[in-house]
Amino acid sequence: MTQQRIVLGVCGGIAAYKVASLLRLFKEAGHHVDVVPTAHALEFVGRATWEALSGQPVTDSVFEAVDTVNHVRLGQQADLVVIAPATADFLGRAAAGLANDLLTNTLLATRAPVLMAPAMHTEMWEHAATQANVATLRGRGVRIVEPAVGRLTGADSGPGRLPDPEDLYAAATALLPGAPVREQSLDAPAPPSLAGRTVVVSAGGTREPLDPVRYLGNRSSGKQGVALARALLDAGAHVRFVSAHVETPLPEGVELTTASTAAELREAVRAAARGADAVVMAAAVADFRPASLAETKIKKSPDGGAPTIELVRNPDILAELVADRARGEQFPPVIVGFAAETGDARASVDEYGRAKLAAKGCELLVVNEVGVDKGFGREDTSATLLWRNDDEPGRHVAGTKDDLARALVEVLSETLNR
């Protein structure tokens, strides 16, 4: 690739130190790079560092090199403008079209491709104002590199981390004139993004007590719900995780509520669902509970007989959410159910799934075939995603629980961002 002129804008965030490595990659590839820092960026990495690495004079002022009309010339001559880290403040100024320093002037003057790599604390990235600014910039053709998920400043962790310099370099050079076409086109669907979205996930199996030491339960391990929480966090979502009995460690960064019985899970899910964007009911909720709870341990009878246990129906949490939403409750526009099914002589797993989807009324149902050696507690899974009011066969996913989680997150991203 021939030498290109790149403007590298650097904003005032702690991640500015990583951009020095990005600058070195540009230079090693033979490109001419003009570094344009903001005033606050120079508080993190000094002017001398940028000048030494770029081999060019560096300023943040429109009142230097005035004879060259520098505030316009840099943008006019650029083949590419890269801004990293792009802070929340800069995204807001760029979206508003302000020109109150050399970098924003350059941005208004250029007609070259623009790539921005936001980096900030998770709360700032997920804020509605930041997301609106990002949407505005994308609408103008600016390419936005989604923040990575990981350790931030201090003890914080979540979406908002600046991607590695090598990843930024690959994304940036793909926009340069004459760049080879990559296997994944820049016009291909973007990776799932749920930044600024809140998703409720229920997981694990409920337990219905018979007496102080026994309960009715199921074989759910909660692994699918945990995998889903991980995938949602990777996509930038805020996850409200309602945990029944789960046998696998939870990912860091979820907002956790615990529940044991179906009744407790019902109250926790309804509380978490208010104001959320989606609910995914991955928990294995007991359909029945004992009609009465013995206050003491049920003893074996001397005659060898067994006790008779009367069962009553538990509330249908999924169907209630859908019905109450229709009555005006502030429940999410997207409600996803899970159905663990075993086929029999009367119907197949998918046929039972279709019937359950119609009865529940949710937007999407994930139908798992389960059995003694299928589904529960295993790393592999096989499921079909069925949409409401869609007679198509649905989307079949076979692989690991993480594969199914990523497929479901893609669907949620497409649905919520449509």
Protein backbone atom coordinates (compact mmCIF):
# COMPACT_ATOMS: atom_id res chain seq x y z
CA MET A 1 0.00 0.00 0.00
CA THR A 2 1.34 3.46 -0.88
CA GLN A 3 1.93 6.10 1.77
CA GLN A 4 -1.29 7.71 2.99
CA ARG A 5 -1.91 10.81 5.11
CA ILE A 6 -3.62 9.93 8.38
CA VAL A 7 -4.88 12.35 11.00
CA LEU A 8 -4.76 10.65 14.39
CA GLY A 9 -6.99 12.49 16.86
CA VAL A 10 -6.39 11.71 20.52
CA CYS A 11 -8.88 12.66 23.25
CA GLY A 12 -8.40 13.05 26.98
CA GLY A 13 -8.83 9.57 28.42
CA ILE A 14 -6.53 7.17 30.22
CA ALA A 15 -6.59 4.92 27.14
CA ALA A 16 -4.54 7.57 25.27
CA TYR A 17 -1.39 5.69 26.24
CA LYS A 18 -2.46 2.75 24.06
CA VAL A 19 -2.73 5.04 21.03
CA ALA A 20 1.03 5.53 21.00
CA SER A 21 1.28 1.89 19.89
CA LEU A 22 -1.33 2.51 17.18
CA LEU A 23 0.72 5.47 15.94
CA ARG A 24 3.84 3.27 15.78
CA LEU A 25 1.94 0.72 13.66
CA PHE A 26 0.90 3.43 11.21
CA LYS A 27 4.46 4.70 10.94
CA GLU A 28 5.96 1.24 10.52
CA ALA A 29 3.60 0.76 7.57
CA GLY A 30 5.08 3.91 5.99
CA HIS A 31 2.18 6.32 6.46
CA HIS A 32 2.41 10.05 7.16
CA VAL A 33 0.64 10.71 10.46
CA ASP A 34 -0.42 14.07 11.90
CA VAL A 35 -1.34 13.69 15.56
CA VAL A 36 -4.01 16.13 16.73
CA PRO A 37 -4.58 15.84 20.47
CA THR A 38 -7.15 17.66 22.53
CA ALA A 39 -5.88 19.82 25.36
CA HIS A 40 -6.93 17.18 27.89
CA ALA A 41 -5.19 14.43 25.91
CA LEU A 42 -1.89 16.21 26.52
CA GLU A 43 -2.50 15.77 30.27
CA PHE A 44 -2.22 12.00 29.73
CA VAL A 45 0.49 11.76 27.04
CA GLY A 46 2.74 14.74 26.38
CA ARG A 47 3.44 16.58 23.16
CA ALA A 48 7.04 15.34 23.04
CA THR A 49 5.91 11.72 22.84
CA TRP A 50 3.58 12.37 19.92
CA GLU A 51 6.19 14.42 18.03
CA ALA A 52 8.93 11.82 18.58
CA LEU A 53 6.75 8.94 17.36
CA SER A 54 5.13 10.77 14.44
CA GLY A 55 8.09 12.84 13.27
CA GLN A 56 5.71 15.80 12.84
CA PRO A 57 5.01 18.93 14.88
CA VAL A 58 2.02 18.51 17.21
CA THR A 59 -0.45 21.13 18.40
CA ASP A 60 -3.96 21.33 19.75
CA SER A 61 -4.42 25.01 18.88
CA VAL A 62 -6.01 26.66 15.84
CA PHE A 63 -3.69 29.60 16.43
CA GLU A 64 -0.47 27.77 15.52
CA ALA A 65 0.71 27.39 11.91
CA VAL A 66 -1.94 29.95 10.99
CA ASP A 67 -0.08 30.78 7.77
CA THR A 68 -0.90 27.28 6.47
CA VAL A 69 -4.58 27.56 7.47
CA ASN A 70 -3.84 24.48 9.57
CA HIS A 71 -7.34 24.03 11.01
CA VAL A 72 -8.67 23.36 7.50
CA ARG A 73 -5.58 22.01 5.72
CA LEU A 74 -5.19 18.93 7.93
CA GLY A 75 -8.72 17.73 7.20
CA GLN A 76 -8.58 18.59 3.51
CA GLN A 77 -5.35 16.67 2.92
CA ALA A 78 -6.20 13.61 5.01
CA ASP A 79 -6.87 10.22 3.46
CA LEU A 80 -8.24 8.97 6.79
CA VAL A 81 -9.12 10.44 10.18
CA VAL A 82 -8.88 8.15 13.21
CA ILE A 83 -9.98 9.33 16.66
CA ALA A 84 -8.93 7.16 19.59
CA PRO A 85 -9.87 7.21 22.33
CA ALA A 86 -13.08 9.07 21.48
CA THR A 87 -14.40 10.29 24.83
CA ALA A 88 -18.04 10.93 25.69
CA ASP A 89 -17.31 14.66 25.58
CA PHE A 90 -15.79 14.46 22.11
CA LEU A 91 -18.64 12.30 20.75
CA GLY A 92 -21.09 14.94 21.96
CA ARG A 93 -19.13 17.82 20.41
CA ALA A 94 -18.68 15.95 17.13
CA ALA A 95 -22.38 15.04 16.95
CA ALA A 96 -23.31 18.68 17.57
CA GLY A 97 -20.96 19.87 14.82
CA LEU A 98 -18.92 22.08 17.15
CA ALA A 99 -15.55 23.49 16.10
CA ASN A 100 -13.99 24.66 19.35
CA ASP A 101 -10.51 23.15 19.00
CA LEU A 102 -8.17 21.94 16.27
CA LEU A 103 -9.52 18.38 16.26
CA THR A 104 -13.18 19.31 15.81
CA ASN A 105 -12.20 21.85 13.11
CA THR A 106 -10.28 19.11 11.30
CA LEU A 107 -13.26 16.78 11.55
CA LEU A 108 -15.58 19.34 9.93
CA ALA A 109 -13.08 20.11 7.15
CA THR A 110 -12.36 16.54 6.07
CA ARG A 111 -14.15 14.51 3.45
CA ALA A 112 -12.02 11.46 4.17
CA PRO A 113 -13.34 8.34 5.95
CA VAL A 114 -13.60 8.81 9.71
CA LEU A 115 -13.11 6.05 12.26
CA MET A 116 -13.87 6.64 15.95
CA ALA A 117 -13.00 4.28 18.80
CA PRO A 118 -14.99 5.30 21.90
CA ALA A 119 -13.52 4.50 25.32
CA MET A 120 -15.01 5.45 28.68
CA HIS A 121 -16.61 3.98 31.78
CA THR A 122 -19.52 1.64 31.18
CA GLU A 123 -22.12 3.98 32.68
CA MET A 124 -21.01 6.78 30.35
CA TRP A 125 -20.99 4.51 27.29
CA GLU A 126 -24.46 3.14 28.06
CA HIS A 127 -25.98 6.56 28.81
CA ALA A 128 -28.79 7.49 26.45
CA ALA A 129 -27.05 10.74 25.47
CA THR A 130 -23.88 8.92 24.41
CA GLN A 131 -25.84 6.33 22.46
CA ALA A 132 -27.82 9.07 20.71
CA ASN A 133 -24.57 10.82 19.73
CA VAL A 134 -23.13 7.55 18.40
CA ALA A 135 -26.29 6.96 16.37
CA THR A 136 -26.06 10.50 14.93
CA LEU A 137 -22.42 10.02 13.93
CA ARG A 138 -23.11 6.63 12.38
CA GLY A 139 -25.94 8.23 10.41
CA ARG A 140 -23.39 10.64 8.93
CA GLY A 141 -21.15 7.78 7.82
CA VAL A 142 -18.67 7.74 10.70
CA ARG A 143 -17.38 4.22 11.40
CA ILE A 144 -17.61 3.41 15.11
CA VAL A 145 -15.48 0.65 16.60
CA GLU A 146 -17.45 -0.81 19.50
CA PRO A 147 -15.63 -0.64 22.84
CA ALA A 148 -14.16 -3.86 24.15
CA VAL A 149 -15.41 -5.45 27.37
CA GLY A 150 -12.90 -5.77 30.19
CA ARG A 151 -11.08 -4.07 33.02
CA LEU A 152 -11.43 -0.29 33.09
CA THR A 153 -9.84 2.30 35.35
CA GLY A 154 -9.80 1.24 39.00
CA ALA A 155 -11.88 -1.79 39.92
CA ASP A 156 -14.52 -1.22 37.24
CA SER A 157 -15.08 -3.76 34.48
CA GLY A 158 -17.49 -3.82 31.55
CA PRO A 159 -17.98 -2.43 28.03
CA GLY A 160 -15.99 0.75 27.48
CA ARG A 161 -12.41 -0.44 27.10
CA LEU A 162 -10.40 0.78 24.09
CA PRO A 163 -9.74 -2.16 21.73
CA ASP A 164 -6.17 -3.32 21.28
CA PRO A 165 -4.00 -1.22 18.92
CA GLU A 166 -3.66 -4.12 16.47
CA ASP A 167 -7.45 -4.36 16.15
CA LEU A 168 -7.77 -0.60 15.64
CA TYR A 169 -4.99 -0.69 13.06
CA ALA A 170 -6.79 -3.40 11.07
CA ALA A 171 -10.10 -1.51 11.19
CA ALA A 172 -8.45 1.78 10.19
CA THR A 173 -6.27 0.56 7.32
CA ALA A 174 -9.26 -1.21 5.78
CA LEU A 175 -10.71 2.27 5.16
CA LEU A 176 -7.65 3.63 3.35
CA PRO A 177 -7.78 4.14 -0.42
CA GLY A 178 -6.54 1.04 -2.22
CA ALA A 179 -7.01 -1.23 0.80
CA PRO A 180 -7.70 -4.85 -0.18
CA VAL A 181 -11.27 -6.01 0.26
CA ARG A 182 -11.51 -8.06 3.42
CA GLU A 183 -13.42 -11.32 3.63
CA GLN A 184 -15.92 -9.62 5.91
CA SER A 185 -17.06 -6.51 4.07
CA LEU A 186 -17.37 -3.27 5.95
CA ASP A 187 -20.96 -3.30 4.77
CA ALA A 188 -21.58 -6.69 6.39
CA PRO A 189 -23.87 -6.75 9.41
CA ALA A 190 -22.22 -5.22 12.44
CA PRO A 191 -21.52 -7.46 15.41
CA PRO A 192 -24.38 -7.56 17.91
CA SER A 193 -24.64 -4.31 19.86
CA LEU A 194 -26.90 -3.94 22.87
CA ALA A 195 -25.09 -1.00 24.40
CA GLY A 196 -27.50 1.06 26.46
CA ARG A 197 -30.00 -1.80 26.59
CA THR A 198 -31.16 -3.62 29.73
CA VAL A 199 -31.95 -7.30 29.45
CA VAL A 200 -33.40 -9.50 32.20
CA VAL A 201 -32.25 -13.12 32.28
CA SER A 202 -33.70 -15.76 34.57
CA ALA A 203 -31.71 -18.96 34.98
CA GLY A 204 -31.44 -22.16 36.96
CA GLY A 205 -34.04 -24.46 38.44
CA THR A 206 -36.61 -23.58 41.08
CA ARG A 207 -37.16 -25.78 44.14
CA GLU A 208 -40.54 -26.31 45.80
CA PRO A 209 -40.19 -27.48 49.44
CA LEU A 210 -42.04 -30.56 50.66
CA ASP A 211 -40.76 -30.38 54.22
CA PRO A 212 -37.73 -28.79 55.93
CA VAL A 213 -35.29 -31.14 54.16
CA ARG A 214 -36.92 -32.18 50.85
CA TYR A 215 -38.07 -30.38 47.75
CA LEU A 216 -39.43 -30.91 44.25
CA GLY A 217 -36.87 -29.72 41.71
CA ASN A 218 -35.50 -30.34 38.26
CA ARG A 219 -32.16 -31.08 36.60
CA SER A 220 -31.44 -27.56 35.32
CA SER A 221 -27.85 -26.42 35.93
CA GLY A 222 -28.37 -22.80 34.83
CA LYS A 223 -25.46 -23.08 32.35
CA GLN A 224 -27.51 -21.78 29.42
CA GLY A 225 -28.64 -18.70 31.34
CA VAL A 226 -25.07 -17.99 32.44
CA ALA A 227 -23.82 -18.36 28.85
CA LEU A 228 -26.53 -15.96 27.74
CA ALA A 229 -25.50 -13.42 30.40
CA ARG A 230 -21.89 -13.60 29.16
CA ALA A 231 -22.95 -13.04 25.55
CA LEU A 232 -25.16 -10.11 26.54
CA LEU A 233 -22.35 -8.49 28.51
CA ASP A 234 -20.03 -8.94 25.52
CA ALA A 235 -22.62 -7.13 23.38
CA GLY A 236 -22.65 -4.22 25.84
CA ALA A 237 -25.98 -4.88 27.55
CA HIS A 238 -26.75 -4.24 31.20
CA VAL A 239 -27.87 -7.62 32.54
CA ARG A 240 -30.33 -8.08 35.39
CA PHE A 241 -29.73 -11.71 36.32
CA VAL A 242 -32.45 -13.45 38.33
CA SER A 243 -30.87 -16.63 39.62
CA ALA A 244 -32.71 -19.67 40.87
CA HIS A 245 -30.45 -22.63 41.73
CA VAL A 246 -27.43 -22.40 39.42
CA GLU A 247 -24.50 -24.80 39.43
CA THR A 248 -21.97 -22.70 37.54
CA PRO A 249 -20.16 -19.42 38.43
CA LEU A 250 -21.90 -16.24 37.35
CA PRO A 251 -20.10 -13.73 35.13
CA GLU A 252 -18.89 -10.53 36.74
CA GLY A 253 -20.88 -7.42 35.94
CA VAL A 254 -24.45 -8.70 36.23
CA GLU A 255 -27.03 -7.12 38.53
CA LEU A 256 -27.92 -10.16 40.63
CA THR A 257 -31.18 -11.13 42.33
CA THR A 258 -31.67 -14.59 43.80
CA ALA A 259 -34.81 -16.68 44.17
CA SER A 260 -35.57 -20.25 45.24
CA THR A 261 -39.21 -21.08 44.54
CA ALA A 262 -41.35 -20.31 41.52
CA ALA A 263 -43.27 -17.72 43.54
CA GLU A 264 -40.05 -15.96 44.55
CA LEU A 265 -38.76 -16.08 40.98
CA ARG A 266 -42.03 -14.60 39.75
CA GLU A 267 -41.74 -11.57 42.02
CA ALA A 268 -38.06 -11.05 41.21
CA VAL A 269 -38.59 -11.26 37.43
CA ARG A 270 -41.55 -8.88 37.48
CA ALA A 271 -39.56 -6.33 39.48
CA ALA A 272 -36.53 -6.63 37.20
CA ALA A 273 -38.62 -6.50 34.01
CA ARG A 274 -40.05 -3.04 34.62
CA GLY A 275 -38.15 -0.57 32.48
CA ALA A 276 -36.05 -3.26 30.76
CA ASP A 277 -35.77 -3.71 27.00
CA ALA A 278 -36.12 -7.49 26.95
CA VAL A 279 -36.73 -10.46 29.22
CA VAL A 280 -35.32 -13.91 28.55
CA MET A 281 -36.92 -16.60 30.70
CA ALA A 282 -34.21 -19.25 30.63
CA ALA A 283 -35.00 -20.53 34.13
CA ALA A 284 -36.52 -23.98 34.54
CA VAL A 285 -39.58 -23.07 36.61
CA ALA A 286 -41.44 -25.86 38.38
CA ASP A 287 -44.94 -26.26 36.96
CA PHE A 288 -46.26 -27.63 40.25
CA ARG A 289 -45.64 -27.27 43.98
CA PRO A 290 -46.91 -29.20 47.00
CA ALA A 291 -50.30 -27.99 48.16
CA SER A 292 -48.99 -27.83 51.72
CA LEU A 293 -45.56 -27.69 53.39
CA ALA A 294 -44.93 -30.13 56.21
CA GLU A 295 -43.52 -28.32 59.23
CA THR A 296 -41.39 -31.31 60.16
CA LYS A 297 -39.62 -33.99 58.16
CA ILE A 298 -42.03 -36.47 56.64
CA LYS A 299 -41.37 -39.85 58.29
CA LYS A 300 -41.60 -43.31 56.83
CA SER A 301 -44.75 -45.03 57.97
CA PRO A 302 -44.35 -48.29 59.94
CA ASP A 303 -46.54 -50.19 57.50
CA GLY A 304 -44.21 -49.38 54.58
CA GLY A 305 -46.71 -47.13 52.80
CA ALA A 306 -45.78 -43.94 51.00
CA PRO A 307 -47.32 -40.52 51.65
CA THR A 308 -49.72 -38.99 49.18
CA ILE A 309 -48.52 -35.59 48.01
CA GLU A 310 -51.08 -33.23 46.52
CA LEU A 311 -49.74 -30.79 43.94
CA VAL A 312 -51.08 -27.43 42.78
CA ARG A 313 -50.17 -25.36 39.72
CA ASN A 314 -47.52 -22.67 39.96
CA PRO A 315 -48.11 -19.33 38.25
CA ASP A 316 -47.07 -19.19 34.59
CA ILE A 317 -44.54 -16.35 34.82
CA LEU A 318 -43.94 -16.07 31.07
CA ALA A 319 -47.63 -15.98 30.11
CA GLU A 320 -48.35 -13.50 32.91
CA LEU A 321 -45.70 -11.09 31.64
CA VAL A 322 -47.20 -11.13 28.16
CA ALA A 323 -50.80 -10.79 29.39
CA ASP A 324 -50.02 -8.01 31.88
CA ARG A 325 -48.04 -6.12 29.25
CA ALA A 326 -51.13 -6.16 27.04
CA ARG A 327 -53.07 -4.69 29.97
CA GLY A 328 -50.68 -1.75 30.22
CA GLU A 329 -47.92 -2.95 32.58
CA GLN A 330 -44.52 -1.45 31.71
CA PHE A 331 -42.98 -4.75 30.70
CA PRO A 332 -40.48 -5.06 27.82
CA PRO A 333 -41.43 -5.08 24.15
CA VAL A 334 -39.45 -8.28 23.64
CA ILE A 335 -40.17 -11.30 25.83
CA VAL A 336 -38.37 -14.57 25.13
CA GLY A 337 -39.35 -17.93 26.55
CA PHE A 338 -37.48 -21.22 26.85
CA ALA A 339 -39.23 -24.56 26.53
CA ALA A 340 -37.60 -27.83 27.53
CA GLU A 341 -39.51 -30.49 25.62
CA THR A 342 -39.50 -34.24 25.07
CA GLY A 343 -41.37 -35.58 22.09
CA ASP A 344 -43.77 -38.51 22.39
CA ALA A 345 -46.24 -40.54 20.32
CA ARG A 346 -48.65 -37.62 20.11
CA ALA A 347 -46.32 -34.86 18.87
CA SER A 348 -42.72 -33.94 18.11
CA VAL A 349 -40.57 -31.54 20.10
CA ASP A 350 -41.11 -28.78 17.52
CA GLU A 351 -44.88 -29.37 17.44
CA TYR A 352 -45.05 -29.06 21.21
CA GLY A 353 -42.92 -25.94 20.91
CA ARG A 354 -45.28 -24.34 18.38
CA ALA A 355 -48.24 -25.05 20.61
CA LYS A 356 -46.48 -23.58 23.62
CA LEU A 357 -45.48 -20.45 21.68
CA ALA A 358 -49.11 -19.89 20.69
CA ALA A 359 -50.25 -20.36 24.28
CA LYS A 360 -47.62 -18.11 25.83
CA GLY A 361 -47.86 -15.27 23.29
CA CYS A 362 -44.21 -14.21 23.66
CA GLU A 363 -42.18 -12.82 20.75
CA LEU A 364 -39.73 -15.72 20.60
CA LEU A 365 -39.51 -19.21 22.03
CA VAL A 366 -36.30 -21.24 22.30
CA VAL A 367 -37.25 -24.92 22.17
CA ASN A 368 -34.72 -27.37 23.67
CA GLU A 369 -35.01 -31.11 23.33
CA VAL A 370 -34.11 -32.58 26.71
CA GLY A 371 -33.78 -36.04 28.15
CA VAL A 372 -31.59 -38.24 30.29
CA ASP A 373 -28.50 -37.45 28.19
CA LYS A 374 -29.70 -34.28 26.46
CA GLY A 375 -29.78 -30.66 27.53
CA PHE A 376 -29.56 -30.44 31.30
CA GLY A 377 -26.06 -29.97 32.69
CA ARG A 378 -24.29 -30.62 29.38
CA GLU A 379 -22.01 -28.26 27.48
CA ASP A 380 -23.62 -29.08 24.12
CA THR A 381 -27.16 -28.23 23.15
CA SER A 382 -29.61 -28.31 20.30
CA ALA A 383 -32.46 -25.82 20.03
CA THR A 384 -34.85 -24.19 17.60
CA LEU A 385 -35.73 -20.49 17.71
CA LEU A 386 -39.40 -19.98 16.89
CA TRP A 387 -40.94 -16.56 16.19
CA ARG A 388 -44.52 -15.61 16.95
CA ASN A 389 -46.79 -15.30 13.90
CA ASP A 390 -44.18 -16.99 11.73
CA ASP A 391 -44.98 -20.31 10.11
CA GLU A 392 -41.38 -20.88 8.99
CA PRO A 393 -39.50 -23.84 10.50
CA GLY A 394 -37.47 -21.50 12.70
CA ARG A 395 -33.73 -21.20 13.18
CA HIS A 396 -32.01 -24.34 14.38
CA VAL A 397 -28.83 -23.98 16.44
CA ALA A 398 -26.65 -26.94 17.38
CA GLY A 399 -23.38 -26.60 19.25
CA THR A 400 -22.35 -25.35 22.66
CA LYS A 401 -24.49 -23.36 25.03
CA ASP A 402 -22.30 -20.36 24.17
CA ASP A 403 -23.16 -20.86 20.47
CA LEU A 404 -26.86 -20.78 21.29
CA ALA A 405 -26.38 -17.74 23.52
CA ARG A 406 -24.59 -15.81 20.76
CA ALA A 407 -27.30 -16.71 18.25
CA LEU A 408 -29.98 -15.46 20.61
CA VAL A 409 -28.09 -12.22 21.28
CA GLU A 410 -27.85 -11.63 17.52
CA VAL A 411 -31.62 -11.97 17.28
CA LEU A 412 -32.17 -9.61 20.22
CA SER A 413 -29.79 -7.05 18.72
CA GLU A 414 -31.52 -7.20 15.34
CA THR A 415 -34.96 -6.92 16.95
CA LEU A 416 -34.23 -4.10 19.40
CA ASN A 417 -32.14 -2.03 16.99
CA ARG A 418 -34.54 -2.38 14.07
